[in-house]
């Protein structure tokens, strides 16, 4: 009888931990925004941060993952600047958890 109680307790503990982990999981969203409204900055770092994108984060900001390669960061800069110069829109798929909005993919929408 004691083994059954210990197993039940361990099973309950695992279920609670799994439930807690699932509530803190990232959610994914998509946003399409005119490039003219996006402000891009780096704060002296290489990784660009985009503001006024319409994301759910404060100041509607988006940024790349900290592990993003330098080539991916340059590609984001190029995409934003080319969309601004042509008057196009930008599309972002991003994950958010609290006030962290991390870009997973981005594209320039055709006019």
Protein backbone atom coordinates (compact mmCIF):
# COMPACT_ATOMS: atom_id res chain seq x y z
CA UNK A 1 0.00 0.00 0.00
CA UNK A 2 2.87 2.37 0.74
CA UNK A 3 4.37 1.91 -2.78
CA UNK A 4 1.04 2.88 -4.32
CA UNK A 5 0.92 6.07 -2.24
CA UNK A 6 4.46 7.04 -3.22
CA UNK A 7 3.73 6.40 -6.90
CA UNK A 8 0.55 8.43 -6.74
CA UNK A 9 2.41 11.28 -5.05
CA UNK A 10 5.21 11.21 -7.64
CA UNK A 11 2.70 11.06 -10.50
CA UNK A 12 0.79 14.03 -9.07
CA UNK A 13 4.01 16.01 -8.65
CA UNK A 14 5.03 15.31 -12.28
CA UNK A 15 1.60 16.38 -13.53
CA UNK A 16 1.80 19.64 -11.59
CA UNK A 17 5.28 20.37 -12.94
CA UNK A 18 4.12 19.64 -16.51
CA UNK A 19 1.10 21.91 -16.07
CA UNK A 20 3.31 24.69 -14.74
CA UNK A 21 5.72 24.34 -17.65
CA UNK A 22 2.94 24.44 -20.22
CA UNK A 23 1.54 27.73 -18.88
CA UNK A 24 4.91 29.40 -19.29
CA UNK A 25 5.31 28.22 -22.89
CA UNK A 26 5.74 30.75 -25.64
CA UNK A 27 2.80 31.74 -27.79
CA UNK A 28 3.23 32.52 -31.47
CA UNK A 29 1.67 35.44 -33.33
CA UNK A 30 1.85 37.14 -36.72
CA UNK A 31 1.80 40.82 -37.51
CA UNK A 32 1.95 42.75 -40.80
CA UNK A 33 2.88 46.40 -40.57
CA UNK A 34 3.82 49.22 -42.96
CA UNK A 35 7.60 49.54 -42.94
CA UNK A 36 7.35 53.33 -42.68
CA UNK A 37 5.99 53.01 -39.13
CA UNK A 38 8.81 50.75 -37.89
CA UNK A 39 11.73 52.25 -35.99
CA UNK A 40 14.90 50.14 -36.01
CA UNK A 41 17.74 50.62 -33.53
CA UNK A 42 20.60 48.67 -31.96
CA UNK A 43 21.38 50.49 -28.70
CA UNK A 44 25.07 50.21 -29.61
CA UNK A 45 24.82 46.44 -30.03
CA UNK A 46 24.67 44.44 -33.23
CA UNK A 47 21.26 42.86 -32.61
CA UNK A 48 18.53 45.17 -33.99
CA UNK A 49 15.37 46.01 -32.03
CA UNK A 50 12.23 47.06 -33.91
CA UNK A 51 9.67 49.39 -32.34
CA UNK A 52 6.08 50.29 -33.33
CA UNK A 53 5.48 46.97 -35.07
CA UNK A 54 2.05 46.29 -33.60
CA UNK A 55 3.29 43.40 -31.46
CA UNK A 56 1.77 42.65 -28.05
CA UNK A 57 4.94 43.73 -26.21
CA UNK A 58 5.43 47.15 -24.63
CA UNK A 59 6.24 49.84 -27.19
CA UNK A 60 5.23 47.16 -29.72
CA UNK A 61 8.86 46.03 -29.94
CA UNK A 62 10.33 42.94 -31.61
CA UNK A 63 13.87 41.62 -31.59
CA UNK A 64 15.81 38.63 -32.84
CA UNK A 65 16.85 35.82 -30.56
CA UNK A 66 20.13 36.48 -28.76
CA UNK A 67 21.65 33.50 -30.57
CA UNK A 68 20.83 34.90 -34.04
CA UNK A 69 23.81 34.95 -36.37
CA UNK A 70 25.36 38.18 -37.59
CA UNK A 71 24.12 37.32 -41.09
CA UNK A 72 20.52 37.04 -39.83
CA UNK A 73 20.86 40.40 -38.06
CA UNK A 74 22.16 42.01 -41.26
CA UNK A 75 19.34 40.39 -43.24
CA UNK A 76 16.77 41.93 -40.89
CA UNK A 77 18.40 45.36 -41.29
CA UNK A 78 18.37 44.95 -45.08
CA UNK A 79 14.74 43.79 -45.14
CA UNK A 80 13.53 46.71 -43.03
CA UNK A 81 15.50 49.32 -44.96
CA UNK A 82 14.48 47.97 -48.37
CA UNK A 83 10.82 47.81 -47.31
CA UNK A 84 11.04 51.40 -46.08
CA UNK A 85 12.58 52.59 -49.36
CA UNK A 86 9.93 50.86 -51.50
CA UNK A 87 6.93 51.66 -49.27
CA UNK A 88 6.24 47.96 -48.65
CA UNK A 89 4.89 46.18 -45.61
CA UNK A 90 6.79 43.84 -43.29
CA UNK A 91 5.42 40.58 -41.96
CA UNK A 92 6.71 39.00 -38.74
CA UNK A 93 6.06 35.69 -37.04
CA UNK A 94 7.14 36.02 -33.44
CA UNK A 95 6.99 34.21 -30.12
CA UNK A 96 5.95 36.10 -27.02
CA UNK A 97 6.13 35.33 -23.36
CA UNK A 98 5.37 38.21 -21.04
CA UNK A 99 7.20 41.22 -22.45
CA UNK A 100 9.65 39.23 -24.60
CA UNK A 101 8.78 39.23 -28.31
CA UNK A 102 11.29 37.25 -30.36
CA UNK A 103 11.18 37.21 -34.16
CA UNK A 104 11.07 33.71 -35.64
CA UNK A 105 10.66 34.72 -39.30
CA UNK A 106 10.16 37.91 -41.28
CA UNK A 107 9.47 38.92 -44.85
CA UNK A 108 8.87 41.94 -47.06
CA UNK A 109 5.37 41.91 -48.56
CA UNK A 110 4.98 42.72 -52.24
CA UNK A 111 3.19 45.96 -53.12
